[in-house]
């Protein structure tokens, strides 16, 4: 489900409860942990990019919140900590807001910003 919002603020404001506070917190975490990144709407979702290259994105889907970590090495280094969640090649899917480990979110964002790896 891609958003038709023209900017991230509009996209976040359209998220329904009980997910809106979670999406707002995720957006704030991205802004705090990704200095120098530009917040844009890309691929129909809020995306943080640097140098025109998307590295982090998220979207509230019908049944879950998808968090995209586009540097495979960053996500792979934390797969054990994500056990029990629906984790794909570059996506973590949370079915409930209380599933999110916010300290791990911060680690994933910081490691993304620090990694010299090319995003996929």
Protein backbone atom coordinates (compact mmCIF):
# COMPACT_ATOMS: atom_id res chain seq x y z
CA UNK A 1 0.00 0.00 0.00
CA UNK A 2 1.80 3.10 -1.25
CA UNK A 3 0.91 6.50 0.11
CA UNK A 4 -0.23 9.26 -2.21
CA UNK A 5 0.96 11.90 0.28
CA UNK A 6 3.22 14.54 -1.23
CA UNK A 7 5.36 14.92 1.89
CA UNK A 8 6.29 12.94 4.98
CA UNK A 9 4.23 15.11 7.36
CA UNK A 10 1.08 14.41 5.34
CA UNK A 11 1.86 10.70 5.19
CA UNK A 12 2.38 10.44 8.94
CA UNK A 13 -0.76 12.44 9.70
CA UNK A 14 -2.81 9.93 7.67
CA UNK A 15 -1.71 6.94 9.76
CA UNK A 16 -4.57 5.69 11.92
CA UNK A 17 -4.49 4.86 15.61
CA UNK A 18 -3.01 2.96 17.34
CA UNK A 19 -0.06 3.23 14.94
CA UNK A 20 0.29 7.00 14.55
CA UNK A 21 2.38 7.60 17.73
CA UNK A 22 4.67 4.75 16.70
CA UNK A 23 5.18 6.13 13.21
CA UNK A 24 5.76 9.61 14.64
CA UNK A 25 8.37 8.19 17.02
CA UNK A 26 10.08 6.32 14.19
CA UNK A 27 10.20 9.49 12.11
CA UNK A 28 11.67 11.42 15.04
CA UNK A 29 14.27 8.68 15.59
CA UNK A 30 15.30 8.90 11.93
CA UNK A 31 15.66 12.68 12.14
CA UNK A 32 17.77 12.41 15.30
CA UNK A 33 19.99 9.48 14.29
CA UNK A 34 20.55 10.30 10.61
CA UNK A 35 22.28 13.71 10.53
CA UNK A 36 22.78 15.00 7.01
CA UNK A 37 20.05 12.79 5.57
CA UNK A 38 17.17 14.25 3.60
CA UNK A 39 13.62 13.19 4.43
CA UNK A 40 11.59 12.59 1.25
CA UNK A 41 8.65 10.62 -0.04
CA UNK A 42 10.00 7.90 -2.34
CA UNK A 43 8.50 4.62 -3.47
CA UNK A 44 5.24 5.81 -1.86
CA UNK A 45 6.71 5.95 1.67
CA UNK A 46 8.76 8.15 3.98
CA UNK A 47 12.40 7.67 3.06
CA UNK A 48 15.68 9.00 4.40
CA UNK A 49 18.34 9.45 1.78
CA UNK A 50 21.84 10.80 1.57
CA UNK A 51 23.35 11.99 -1.70
CA UNK A 52 20.13 11.02 -3.47
CA UNK A 53 20.46 7.40 -2.34
CA UNK A 54 17.69 5.98 -0.11
CA UNK A 55 18.98 4.13 2.95
CA UNK A 56 16.03 3.93 5.36
CA UNK A 57 12.30 3.86 4.65
CA UNK A 58 9.14 2.92 6.49
CA UNK A 59 5.47 2.47 5.72
CA UNK A 60 2.38 1.53 7.64
CA UNK A 61 0.82 -1.29 5.66
CA UNK A 62 -2.59 -2.86 6.21
CA UNK A 63 -1.35 -5.48 8.71
CA UNK A 64 2.04 -4.23 9.85
CA UNK A 65 4.63 -1.48 9.92
CA UNK A 66 7.44 -2.11 7.46
CA UNK A 67 10.90 -0.76 8.24
CA UNK A 68 13.40 -0.95 5.38
CA UNK A 69 17.11 -1.07 6.18
CA UNK A 70 18.80 -0.78 2.80
CA UNK A 71 22.33 -1.68 3.88
CA UNK A 72 22.23 -5.49 4.09
CA UNK A 73 25.24 -5.77 6.39
CA UNK A 74 23.57 -3.60 9.01
CA UNK A 75 20.40 -5.69 9.08
CA UNK A 76 22.28 -9.00 8.86
CA UNK A 77 24.39 -8.09 11.91
CA UNK A 78 21.21 -7.92 14.01
CA UNK A 79 19.10 -10.80 12.74
CA UNK A 80 19.45 -12.71 16.01
CA UNK A 81 18.05 -9.71 17.91
CA UNK A 82 15.12 -9.57 15.48
CA UNK A 83 14.25 -13.26 15.91
CA UNK A 84 10.52 -13.74 16.29
CA UNK A 85 9.68 -10.88 13.95
CA UNK A 86 8.92 -11.11 10.27
CA UNK A 87 12.27 -10.17 8.73
CA UNK A 88 13.01 -10.27 5.02
CA UNK A 89 16.08 -9.44 2.95
CA UNK A 90 15.95 -5.77 3.93
CA UNK A 91 12.67 -5.36 5.75
CA UNK A 92 11.45 -5.74 9.32
CA UNK A 93 7.68 -6.06 9.70
CA UNK A 94 6.04 -5.32 13.04
CA UNK A 95 2.47 -6.51 13.56
CA UNK A 96 1.97 -4.55 16.80
CA UNK A 97 3.44 -1.28 18.08
CA UNK A 98 4.63 -2.98 21.27
CA UNK A 99 6.90 -5.32 19.27
CA UNK A 100 9.34 -2.55 18.43
CA UNK A 101 12.62 -2.55 20.34
CA UNK A 102 13.39 1.17 20.29
CA UNK A 103 16.97 0.76 21.46
CA UNK A 104 17.58 -1.58 18.51
CA UNK A 105 15.92 0.92 16.17
CA UNK A 106 18.48 3.49 17.31
CA UNK A 107 21.34 1.04 16.77
CA UNK A 108 20.15 0.17 13.25
CA UNK A 109 19.81 3.84 12.33
CA UNK A 110 23.22 4.81 13.76
CA UNK A 111 24.94 1.86 12.09
CA UNK A 112 23.28 2.75 8.79
CA UNK A 113 24.63 6.29 9.04
CA UNK A 114 28.12 5.03 9.99
CA UNK A 115 28.34 2.23 7.42
CA UNK A 116 30.29 2.77 4.22
CA UNK A 117 28.35 -0.11 2.62
CA UNK A 118 26.41 0.71 -0.51
CA UNK A 119 22.63 0.47 -0.08
CA UNK A 120 20.87 -2.18 -2.15
